[in-house]
PDB file of N, CA and C in Angstrom:
ATOM      1  N   MET A   1       0.693  -0.944  -0.069  1.00  0.00           N
ATOM      2  CA  MET A   1      -0.035  -0.002  -0.230  1.00  0.00           C
ATOM      3  C   MET A   1       0.886   1.275  -0.318  1.00  0.00           C
ATOM      4  N   PRO A   2       0.713   2.440  -0.310  1.00  0.00           N
ATOM      5  CA  PRO A   2       1.554   3.679  -1.091  1.00  0.00           C
ATOM      6  C   PRO A   2       1.309   4.464   0.272  1.00  0.00           C
ATOM      7  N   SER A   3       2.491   5.179   0.634  1.00  0.00           N
ATOM      8  CA  SER A   3       2.891   5.860   2.265  1.00  0.00           C
ATOM      9  C   SER A   3       4.418   6.724   2.174  1.00  0.00           C
ATOM     10  N   ILE A   4       4.172   7.959   3.162  1.00  0.00           N
ATOM     11  CA  ILE A   4       4.877   7.642   3.199  1.00  0.00           C
ATOM     12  C   ILE A   4       6.305   7.466   3.463  1.00  0.00           C
ATOM     13  N   LYS A   5       5.692   6.679   4.226  1.00  0.00           N
ATOM     14  CA  LYS A   5       6.821   5.920   4.816  1.00  0.00           C
ATOM     15  C   LYS A   5       7.782   5.722   3.331  1.00  0.00           C
ATOM     16  N   ASN A   6       7.157   4.958   2.822  1.00  0.00           N
ATOM     17  CA  ASN A   6       7.369   3.720   1.358  1.00  0.00           C
ATOM     18  C   ASN A   6       7.381   4.535   0.522  1.00  0.00           C
ATOM     19  N   ALA A   7       7.741   5.741   0.168  1.00  0.00           N
ATOM     20  CA  ALA A   7       7.278   6.524  -0.974  1.00  0.00           C
ATOM     21  C   ALA A   7       7.942   6.488  -2.599  1.00  0.00           C
ATOM     22  N   GLU A   8       8.559   5.584  -2.231  1.00  0.00           N
ATOM     23  CA  GLU A   8       8.149   4.739  -4.009  1.00  0.00           C
ATOM     24  C   GLU A   8       7.440   4.074  -4.436  1.00  0.00           C
ATOM     25  N   SER A   9       6.008   3.933  -3.310  1.00  0.00           N
ATOM     26  CA  SER A   9       5.309   3.103  -3.742  1.00  0.00           C
ATOM     27  C   SER A   9       4.688   3.903  -4.419  1.00  0.00           C
ATOM     28  N   ILE A  10       4.826   5.254  -4.078  1.00  0.00           N
ATOM     29  CA  ILE A  10       3.683   6.514  -4.545  1.00  0.00           C
ATOM     30  C   ILE A  10       3.812   6.558  -5.915  1.00  0.00           C
ATOM     31  N   ALA A  11       2.571   6.411  -7.147  1.00  0.00           N
ATOM     32  CA  ALA A  11       2.511   6.802  -8.186  1.00  0.00           C
ATOM     33  C   ALA A  11       2.654   8.040  -8.606  1.00  0.00           C
ATOM     34  N   PHE A  12       3.829   8.470  -8.294  1.00  0.00           N
ATOM     35  CA  PHE A  12       3.806  10.023  -8.489  1.00  0.00           C
ATOM     36  C   PHE A  12       3.944  10.116 -10.851  1.00  0.00           C
ATOM     37  N   ASP A  13       3.874   9.648 -11.156  1.00  0.00           N
ATOM     38  CA  ASP A  13       3.560  10.163 -12.180  1.00  0.00           C
ATOM     39  C   ASP A  13       1.773   9.852 -12.517  1.00  0.00           C
ATOM     40  N   ARG A  14       1.847   8.985 -12.191  1.00  0.00           N
ATOM     41  CA  ARG A  14      -0.145   8.798 -12.211  1.00  0.00           C
ATOM     42  C   ARG A  14      -1.096   9.531 -11.858  1.00  0.00           C
ATOM     43  N   ILE A  15      -0.072  10.445 -10.276  1.00  0.00           N
ATOM     44  CA  ILE A  15      -1.033  11.662  -9.787  1.00  0.00           C
ATOM     45  C   ILE A  15      -0.630  12.748 -10.366  1.00  0.00           C
ATOM     46  N   LYS A  16       0.553  13.091 -11.310  1.00  0.00           N
ATOM     47  CA  LYS A  16       1.183  14.045 -12.121  1.00  0.00           C
ATOM     48  C   LYS A  16      -0.083  14.303 -13.083  1.00  0.00           C
ATOM     49  N   ASN A  17      -0.368  13.281 -13.641  1.00  0.00           N
ATOM     50  CA  ASN A  17      -1.258  13.355 -15.086  1.00  0.00           C
ATOM     51  C   ASN A  17      -3.193  13.307 -14.364  1.00  0.00           C
ATOM     52  N   LEU A  18      -2.812  12.615 -13.236  1.00  0.00           N
ATOM     53  CA  LEU A  18      -4.679  13.162 -12.420  1.00  0.00           C
ATOM     54  C   LEU A  18      -4.651  14.818 -12.362  1.00  0.00           C
ATOM     55  N   VAL A  19      -3.672  15.204 -11.584  1.00  0.00           N
ATOM     56  CA  VAL A  19      -3.800  16.695 -11.290  1.00  0.00           C
ATOM     57  C   VAL A  19      -3.427  17.282 -12.479  1.00  0.00           C
ATOM     58  N   ALA A  20      -2.854  16.760 -13.311  1.00  0.00           N
ATOM     59  CA  ALA A  20      -3.253  17.419 -14.933  1.00  0.00           C
ATOM     60  C   ALA A  20      -4.319  17.771 -15.123  1.00  0.00           C
ATOM     61  N   ASP A  21      -4.932  16.345 -15.678  1.00  0.00           N
ATOM     62  CA  ASP A  21      -7.194  16.357 -15.787  1.00  0.00           C
ATOM     63  C   ASP A  21      -7.420  17.651 -15.114  1.00  0.00           C
ATOM     64  N   VAL A  22      -6.899  17.417 -14.080  1.00  0.00           N
ATOM     65  CA  VAL A  22      -8.110  18.195 -12.759  1.00  0.00           C
ATOM     66  C   VAL A  22      -8.161  19.687 -13.460  1.00  0.00           C
ATOM     67  N   LEU A  23      -6.942  20.477 -13.012  1.00  0.00           N
ATOM     68  CA  LEU A  23      -6.144  21.744 -13.906  1.00  0.00           C
ATOM     69  C   LEU A  23      -6.541  21.978 -15.073  1.00  0.00           C
ATOM     70  N   LYS A  24      -6.719  21.074 -16.403  1.00  0.00           N
ATOM     71  CA  LYS A  24      -7.435  21.096 -17.617  1.00  0.00           C
ATOM     72  C   LYS A  24      -8.697  21.181 -16.859  1.00  0.00           C
ATOM     73  N   ALA A  25      -9.138  20.876 -16.664  1.00  0.00           N
ATOM     74  CA  ALA A  25     -11.334  20.813 -16.554  1.00  0.00           C
ATOM     75  C   ALA A  25     -11.430  21.992 -16.284  1.00  0.00           C
ATOM     76  N   ALA A  26     -10.655  22.043 -14.381  1.00  0.00           N
ATOM     77  CA  ALA A  26     -10.620  23.871 -13.886  1.00  0.00           C
ATOM     78  C   ALA A  26     -10.983  25.272 -14.296  1.00  0.00           C
ATOM     79  N   ARG A  27      -9.835  24.852 -15.598  1.00  0.00           N
ATOM     80  CA  ARG A  27      -9.080  26.448 -16.634  1.00  0.00           C
ATOM     81  C   ARG A  27     -10.556  26.097 -18.206  1.00  0.00           C
ATOM     82  N   GLU A  28     -10.895  24.784 -18.162  1.00  0.00           N
ATOM     83  CA  GLU A  28     -11.900  25.447 -19.401  1.00  0.00           C
ATOM     84  C   GLU A  28     -13.301  25.571 -18.589  1.00  0.00           C
ATOM     85  N   VAL A  29     -13.572  25.613 -17.246  1.00  0.00           N
ATOM     86  CA  VAL A  29     -14.794  25.768 -16.539  1.00  0.00           C
ATOM     87  C   VAL A  29     -14.657  27.249 -15.961  1.00  0.00           C
ATOM     88  N   THR A  30     -12.986  28.026 -16.126  1.00  0.00           N
ATOM     89  CA  THR A  30     -12.967  29.625 -15.848  1.00  0.00           C
ATOM     90  C   THR A  30     -13.299  30.177 -17.259  1.00  0.00           C
ATOM     91  N   THR A  31     -12.053  29.819 -18.030  1.00  0.00           N
ATOM     92  CA  THR A  31     -12.479  30.127 -19.809  1.00  0.00           C
ATOM     93  C   THR A  31     -14.251  30.022 -20.097  1.00  0.00           C
ATOM     94  N   TRP A  32     -15.173  29.224 -19.712  1.00  0.00           N
ATOM     95  CA  TRP A  32     -16.512  28.635 -20.010  1.00  0.00           C
ATOM     96  C   TRP A  32     -17.690  29.923 -19.134  1.00  0.00           C
ATOM     97  N   ARG A  33     -16.413  30.336 -18.106  1.00  0.00           N
ATOM     98  CA  ARG A  33     -17.150  31.026 -17.197  1.00  0.00           C
ATOM     99  C   ARG A  33     -17.239  32.585 -17.405  1.00  0.00           C
ATOM    100  N   ASN A  34     -16.051  32.913 -18.562  1.00  0.00           N
ATOM    101  CA  ASN A  34     -16.014  34.079 -18.790  1.00  0.00           C
ATOM    102  C   ASN A  34     -16.855  34.568 -20.054  1.00  0.00           C
ATOM    103  N   ASP A  35     -16.918  33.391 -20.626  1.00  0.00           N
ATOM    104  CA  ASP A  35     -17.796  33.514 -21.928  1.00  0.00           C
ATOM    105  C   ASP A  35     -19.203  33.247 -21.689  1.00  0.00           C
ATOM    106  N   TYR A  36     -20.028  32.746 -20.493  1.00  0.00           N
ATOM    107  CA  TYR A  36     -21.234  32.123 -20.848  1.00  0.00           C
ATOM    108  C   TYR A  36     -21.296  31.551 -19.540  1.00  0.00           C
ATOM    109  N   ASP A  37     -22.914  32.732 -19.056  1.00  0.00           N
ATOM    110  CA  ASP A  37     -23.546  32.079 -17.674  1.00  0.00           C
ATOM    111  C   ASP A  37     -24.743  32.334 -17.966  1.00  0.00           C
ATOM    112  N   PRO A  38     -25.281  31.323 -17.434  1.00  0.00           N
ATOM    113  CA  PRO A  38     -26.461  30.638 -17.954  1.00  0.00           C
ATOM    114  C   PRO A  38     -27.336  31.277 -16.239  1.00  0.00           C
ATOM    115  N   GLY A  39     -26.521  31.753 -14.995  1.00  0.00           N
ATOM    116  CA  GLY A  39     -27.419  32.014 -14.003  1.00  0.00           C
ATOM    117  C   GLY A  39     -27.809  31.135 -13.111  1.00  0.00           C
ATOM    118  N   THR A  40     -28.022  30.115 -13.195  1.00  0.00           N
ATOM    119  CA  THR A  40     -28.524  28.087 -12.741  1.00  0.00           C
ATOM    120  C   THR A  40     -27.640  28.205 -11.401  1.00  0.00           C
ATOM    121  N   GLN A  41     -27.836  27.289 -10.057  1.00  0.00           N
ATOM    122  CA  GLN A  41     -27.834  26.846  -9.855  1.00  0.00           C
ATOM    123  C   GLN A  41     -26.666  26.244 -10.056  1.00  0.00           C
ATOM    124  N   GLU A  42     -26.597  24.834 -10.673  1.00  0.00           N
ATOM    125  CA  GLU A  42     -25.845  24.410 -11.123  1.00  0.00           C
ATOM    126  C   GLU A  42     -24.601  25.139 -12.040  1.00  0.00           C
ATOM    127  N   TRP A  43     -24.954  26.088 -12.360  1.00  0.00           N
ATOM    128  CA  TRP A  43     -23.406  26.461 -12.870  1.00  0.00           C
ATOM    129  C   TRP A  43     -22.853  27.206 -12.001  1.00  0.00           C
ATOM    130  N   TYR A  44     -23.055  27.850 -11.136  1.00  0.00           N
ATOM    131  CA  TYR A  44     -22.138  28.227  -9.745  1.00  0.00           C
ATOM    132  C   TYR A  44     -22.005  26.764  -8.844  1.00  0.00           C
ATOM    133  N   THR A  45     -22.429  25.723  -9.081  1.00  0.00           N
ATOM    134  CA  THR A  45     -21.829  24.536  -8.158  1.00  0.00           C
ATOM    135  C   THR A  45     -20.197  24.059  -9.540  1.00  0.00           C
ATOM    136  N   LEU A  46     -20.502  24.410 -10.251  1.00  0.00           N
ATOM    137  CA  LEU A  46     -19.751  23.418 -11.170  1.00  0.00           C
ATOM    138  C   LEU A  46     -19.171  24.823 -10.860  1.00  0.00           C
ATOM    139  N   CYS A  47     -18.709  26.281 -10.875  1.00  0.00           N
ATOM    140  CA  CYS A  47     -17.572  26.740 -11.259  1.00  0.00           C
ATOM    141  C   CYS A  47     -16.733  26.781  -9.903  1.00  0.00           C
ATOM    142  N   ASN A  48     -18.063  26.823  -8.585  1.00  0.00           N
ATOM    143  CA  ASN A  48     -17.268  26.497  -7.097  1.00  0.00           C
ATOM    144  C   ASN A  48     -16.321  25.227  -7.241  1.00  0.00           C
ATOM    145  N   LEU A  49     -17.098  24.198  -7.532  1.00  0.00           N
ATOM    146  CA  LEU A  49     -16.095  22.739  -7.859  1.00  0.00           C
ATOM    147  C   LEU A  49     -14.750  23.043  -8.506  1.00  0.00           C
ATOM    148  N   ALA A  50     -15.294  23.436  -9.280  1.00  0.00           N
ATOM    149  CA  ALA A  50     -13.306  24.508 -10.434  1.00  0.00           C
ATOM    150  C   ALA A  50     -12.629  24.895  -9.457  1.00  0.00           C
ATOM    151  N   GLU A  51     -13.143  25.626  -8.778  1.00  0.00           N
ATOM    152  CA  GLU A  51     -12.133  26.597  -8.291  1.00  0.00           C
ATOM    153  C   GLU A  51     -11.462  25.781  -7.180  1.00  0.00           C
ATOM    154  N   THR A  52     -12.389  24.853  -6.351  1.00  0.00           N
ATOM    155  CA  THR A  52     -12.193  23.704  -5.335  1.00  0.00           C
ATOM    156  C   THR A  52     -11.045  23.011  -5.824  1.00  0.00           C
ATOM    157  N   ALA A  53     -11.222  22.209  -6.302  1.00  0.00           N
ATOM    158  CA  ALA A  53     -10.624  21.486  -7.256  1.00  0.00           C
ATOM    159  C   ALA A  53      -9.316  21.890  -7.295  1.00  0.00           C
ATOM    160  N   GLU A  54      -9.190  22.404  -8.083  1.00  0.00           N
ATOM    161  CA  GLU A  54      -8.077  23.413  -8.931  1.00  0.00           C
ATOM    162  C   GLU A  54      -7.255  24.040  -7.384  1.00  0.00           C
ATOM    163  N   SER A  55      -7.839  24.876  -6.168  1.00  0.00           N
ATOM    164  CA  SER A  55      -6.864  25.005  -4.943  1.00  0.00           C
ATOM    165  C   SER A  55      -6.718  23.545  -4.199  1.00  0.00           C
ATOM    166  N   LEU A  56      -7.001  23.029  -4.345  1.00  0.00           N
ATOM    167  CA  LEU A  56      -7.176  21.592  -3.293  1.00  0.00           C
ATOM    168  C   LEU A  56      -5.876  20.546  -4.452  1.00  0.00           C
ATOM    169  N   ALA A  57      -5.959  20.911  -5.893  1.00  0.00           N
ATOM    170  CA  ALA A  57      -4.902  19.913  -7.043  1.00  0.00           C
ATOM    171  C   ALA A  57      -3.434  20.491  -6.461  1.00  0.00           C
ATOM    172  N   LEU A  58      -3.265  22.255  -6.440  1.00  0.00           N
ATOM    173  CA  LEU A  58      -2.382  23.316  -6.285  1.00  0.00           C
ATOM    174  C   LEU A  58      -1.371  22.976  -5.209  1.00  0.00           C
ATOM    175  N   SER A  59      -2.399  22.686  -4.129  1.00  0.00           N
ATOM    176  CA  SER A  59      -1.873  22.026  -2.534  1.00  0.00           C
ATOM    177  C   SER A  59      -1.023  21.742  -2.412  1.00  0.00           C
ATOM    178  N   LEU A  60      -0.944  20.627  -3.400  1.00  0.00           N
ATOM    179  CA  LEU A  60      -0.455  19.126  -3.321  1.00  0.00           C
ATOM    180  C   LEU A  60       1.404  19.308  -2.602  1.00  0.00           C
ATOM    181  N   PRO A  61       2.329  18.469  -2.934  1.00  0.00           N
ATOM    182  CA  PRO A  61       3.280  18.904  -2.891  1.00  0.00           C
ATOM    183  C   PRO A  61       4.136  19.328  -4.288  1.00  0.00           C
ATOM    184  N   VAL A  62       5.392  19.652  -4.318  1.00  0.00           N
ATOM    185  CA  VAL A  62       5.326  20.155  -5.650  1.00  0.00           C
ATOM    186  C   VAL A  62       6.109  18.605  -6.197  1.00  0.00           C
ATOM    187  N   GLU A  63       6.305  18.153  -5.958  1.00  0.00           N
ATOM    188  CA  GLU A  63       6.671  16.564  -6.129  1.00  0.00           C
ATOM    189  C   GLU A  63       5.743  15.847  -7.197  1.00  0.00           C
ATOM    190  N   MET A  64       4.078  16.527  -6.616  1.00  0.00           N
ATOM    191  CA  MET A  64       2.868  15.260  -6.842  1.00  0.00           C
ATOM    192  C   MET A  64       2.750  16.211  -8.157  1.00  0.00           C
ATOM    193  N   LEU A  65       2.800  17.353  -8.582  1.00  0.00           N
ATOM    194  CA  LEU A  65       2.600  18.829  -9.832  1.00  0.00           C
ATOM    195  C   LEU A  65       3.191  18.568 -10.869  1.00  0.00           C
ATOM    196  N   PRO A  66       2.457  18.462 -11.959  1.00  0.00           N
ATOM    197  CA  PRO A  66       3.177  18.521 -13.939  1.00  0.00           C
ATOM    198  C   PRO A  66       4.397  19.094 -13.483  1.00  0.00           C
ATOM    199  N   ASP A  67       4.770  19.658 -14.562  1.00  0.00           N
ATOM    200  CA  ASP A  67       5.896  19.990 -14.335  1.00  0.00           C
ATOM    201  C   ASP A  67       6.353  21.517 -15.020  1.00  0.00           C
ATOM    202  N   LYS A  68       4.895  21.460 -15.891  1.00  0.00           N
ATOM    203  CA  LYS A  68       5.029  22.979 -16.174  1.00  0.00           C
ATOM    204  C   LYS A  68       3.956  23.789 -14.582  1.00  0.00           C
ATOM    205  N   GLU A  69       3.396  22.931 -13.979  1.00  0.00           N
ATOM    206  CA  GLU A  69       2.667  23.688 -12.254  1.00  0.00           C
ATOM    207  C   GLU A  69       4.637  24.318 -11.321  1.00  0.00           C
ATOM    208  N   TRP A  70       5.232  23.905 -12.197  1.00  0.00           N
ATOM    209  CA  TRP A  70       6.196  24.650 -10.714  1.00  0.00           C
ATOM    210  C   TRP A  70       6.384  25.198 -10.879  1.00  0.00           C
ATOM    211  N   ARG A  71       6.875  26.358 -10.153  1.00  0.00           N
ATOM    212  CA  ARG A  71       7.011  27.944  -9.924  1.00  0.00           C
ATOM    213  C   ARG A  71       8.515  27.806  -8.893  1.00  0.00           C
ATOM    214  N   TYR A  72       8.921  29.102  -9.238  1.00  0.00           N
ATOM    215  CA  TYR A  72       9.784  29.158  -8.878  1.00  0.00           C
ATOM    216  C   TYR A  72       9.595  29.988  -7.307  1.00  0.00           C
ATOM    217  N   VAL A  73       9.804  30.088  -5.641  1.00  0.00           N
ATOM    218  CA  VAL A  73       9.794  30.722  -4.495  1.00  0.00           C
ATOM    219  C   VAL A  73      10.834  31.409  -4.359  1.00  0.00           C
ATOM    220  N   SER A  74      10.071  32.640  -4.102  1.00  0.00           N
ATOM    221  CA  SER A  74      11.225  33.729  -3.625  1.00  0.00           C
ATOM    222  C   SER A  74      11.765  32.884  -2.280  1.00  0.00           C
ATOM    223  N   PRO A  75      12.993  33.765  -2.107  1.00  0.00           N
ATOM    224  CA  PRO A  75      13.281  33.987  -0.369  1.00  0.00           C
ATOM    225  C   PRO A  75      12.426  33.864   0.360  1.00  0.00           C
ATOM    226  N   GLY A  76      11.494  35.417  -0.470  1.00  0.00           N
ATOM    227  CA  GLY A  76      11.083  36.618   0.434  1.00  0.00           C
ATOM    228  C   GLY A  76       9.932  35.886   1.160  1.00  0.00           C
ATOM    229  N   GLU A  77       9.154  34.954  -0.078  1.00  0.00           N
ATOM    230  CA  GLU A  77       7.820  33.901   0.287  1.00  0.00           C
ATOM    231  C   GLU A  77       8.228  33.122   1.571  1.00  0.00           C
ATOM    232  N   TYR A  78       9.094  32.153   1.274  1.00  0.00           N
ATOM    233  CA  TYR A  78       9.849  31.458   2.469  1.00  0.00           C
ATOM    234  C   TYR A  78       9.695  32.374   3.846  1.00  0.00           C
ATOM    235  N   ALA A  79      10.228  33.574   3.815  1.00  0.00           N
ATOM    236  CA  ALA A  79      10.218  34.336   4.848  1.00  0.00           C
ATOM    237  C   ALA A  79       8.552  34.927   5.210  1.00  0.00           C
ATOM    238  N   ALA A  80       8.089  34.741   4.048  1.00  0.00           N
ATOM    239  CA  ALA A  80       6.875  35.564   4.691  1.00  0.00           C
ATOM    240  C   ALA A  80       6.068  34.303   5.316  1.00  0.00           C
ATOM    241  N   CYS A  81       6.468  33.056   4.993  1.00  0.00           N
ATOM    242  CA  CYS A  81       5.524  31.790   5.395  1.00  0.00           C
ATOM    243  C   CYS A  81       6.234  31.232   6.763  1.00  0.00           C
ATOM    244  N   ASP A  82       7.527  31.580   7.484  1.00  0.00           N
ATOM    245  CA  ASP A  82       8.580  31.474   8.335  1.00  0.00           C
ATOM    246  C   ASP A  82       7.457  32.269   9.301  1.00  0.00           C
ATOM    247  N   GLU A  83       7.045  33.518   9.212  1.00  0.00           N
ATOM    248  CA  GLU A  83       6.819  34.283   9.824  1.00  0.00           C
ATOM    249  C   GLU A  83       5.014  34.402  10.147  1.00  0.00           C
ATOM    250  N   LEU A  84       5.140  33.924   9.395  1.00  0.00           N
ATOM    251  CA  LEU A  84       3.366  33.484   9.341  1.00  0.00           C
ATOM    252  C   LEU A  84       2.687  31.854  10.310  1.00  0.00           C
ATOM    253  N   LEU A  85       3.965  31.122   9.547  1.00  0.00           N
ATOM    254  CA  LEU A  85       3.998  30.483  10.799  1.00  0.00           C
ATOM    255  C   LEU A  85       4.664  30.669  12.451  1.00  0.00           C
ATOM    256  N   GLY A  86       5.105  31.256  12.352  1.00  0.00           N
ATOM    257  CA  GLY A  86       5.531  31.810  13.919  1.00  0.00           C
ATOM    258  C   GLY A  86       4.480  32.504  14.051  1.00  0.00           C
ATOM    259  N   VAL A  87       3.974  33.448  14.541  1.00  0.00           N
ATOM    260  CA  VAL A  87       2.727  33.623  14.217  1.00  0.00           C
ATOM    261  C   VAL A  87       1.090  32.922  15.085  1.00  0.00           C
ATOM    262  N   LEU A  88       1.503  32.607  14.144  1.00  0.00           N
ATOM    263  CA  LEU A  88       0.158  31.179  13.978  1.00  0.00           C
ATOM    264  C   LEU A  88       0.753  29.728  15.739  1.00  0.00           C
ATOM    265  N   ALA A  89       1.899  29.623  15.618  1.00  0.00           N
ATOM    266  CA  ALA A  89       2.182  29.197  17.239  1.00  0.00           C
ATOM    267  C   ALA A  89       2.497  29.767  18.116  1.00  0.00           C
ATOM    268  N   ASP A  90       2.305  30.913  18.202  1.00  0.00           N
ATOM    269  CA  ASP A  90       2.673  32.065  19.195  1.00  0.00           C
ATOM    270  C   ASP A  90       0.967  31.652  19.252  1.00  0.00           C
ATOM    271  N   LEU A  91       0.574  32.241  18.287  1.00  0.00           N
ATOM    272  CA  LEU A  91      -1.647  31.750  19.140  1.00  0.00           C
ATOM    273  C   LEU A  91      -1.827  30.658  19.767  1.00  0.00           C
ATOM    274  N   ALA A  92      -1.131  30.085  19.464  1.00  0.00           N
ATOM    275  CA  ALA A  92      -1.442  28.238  19.887  1.00  0.00           C
ATOM    276  C   ALA A  92      -0.872  28.094  21.047  1.00  0.00           C
ATOM    277  N   LYS A  93       0.005  28.889  21.585  1.00  0.00           N
ATOM    278  CA  LYS A  93       0.411  29.035  22.965  1.00  0.00           C
ATOM    279  C   LYS A  93      -0.119  29.277  23.934  1.00  0.00           C
ATOM    280  N   ASP A  94      -1.153  30.696  23.557  1.00  0.00           N
ATOM    281  CA  ASP A  94      -1.974  31.370  24.168  1.00  0.00           C
ATOM    282  C   ASP A  94      -3.498  30.982  24.934  1.00  0.00           C
TER     283      ASP A  94
END
């Protein structure tokens, strides 16, 4: 069974392909959103689902993202994350 402790058992290529499919579908919905809006509840549900799926896919570890989705993270972004994590840790202590 795939696990973090047995990382080589995780099918990263399959995950990357599935993430690419999810991102492609989510971006198609975004394109349709700009061109077509019937104003139905189903349409808004589809748009929200696409947004959520894209956010979830992009929150995966970079090793699970398709290569074209990788981006450079600046030292400033790392510093901002460290600062936020420190603030959250301090809040958790209180």
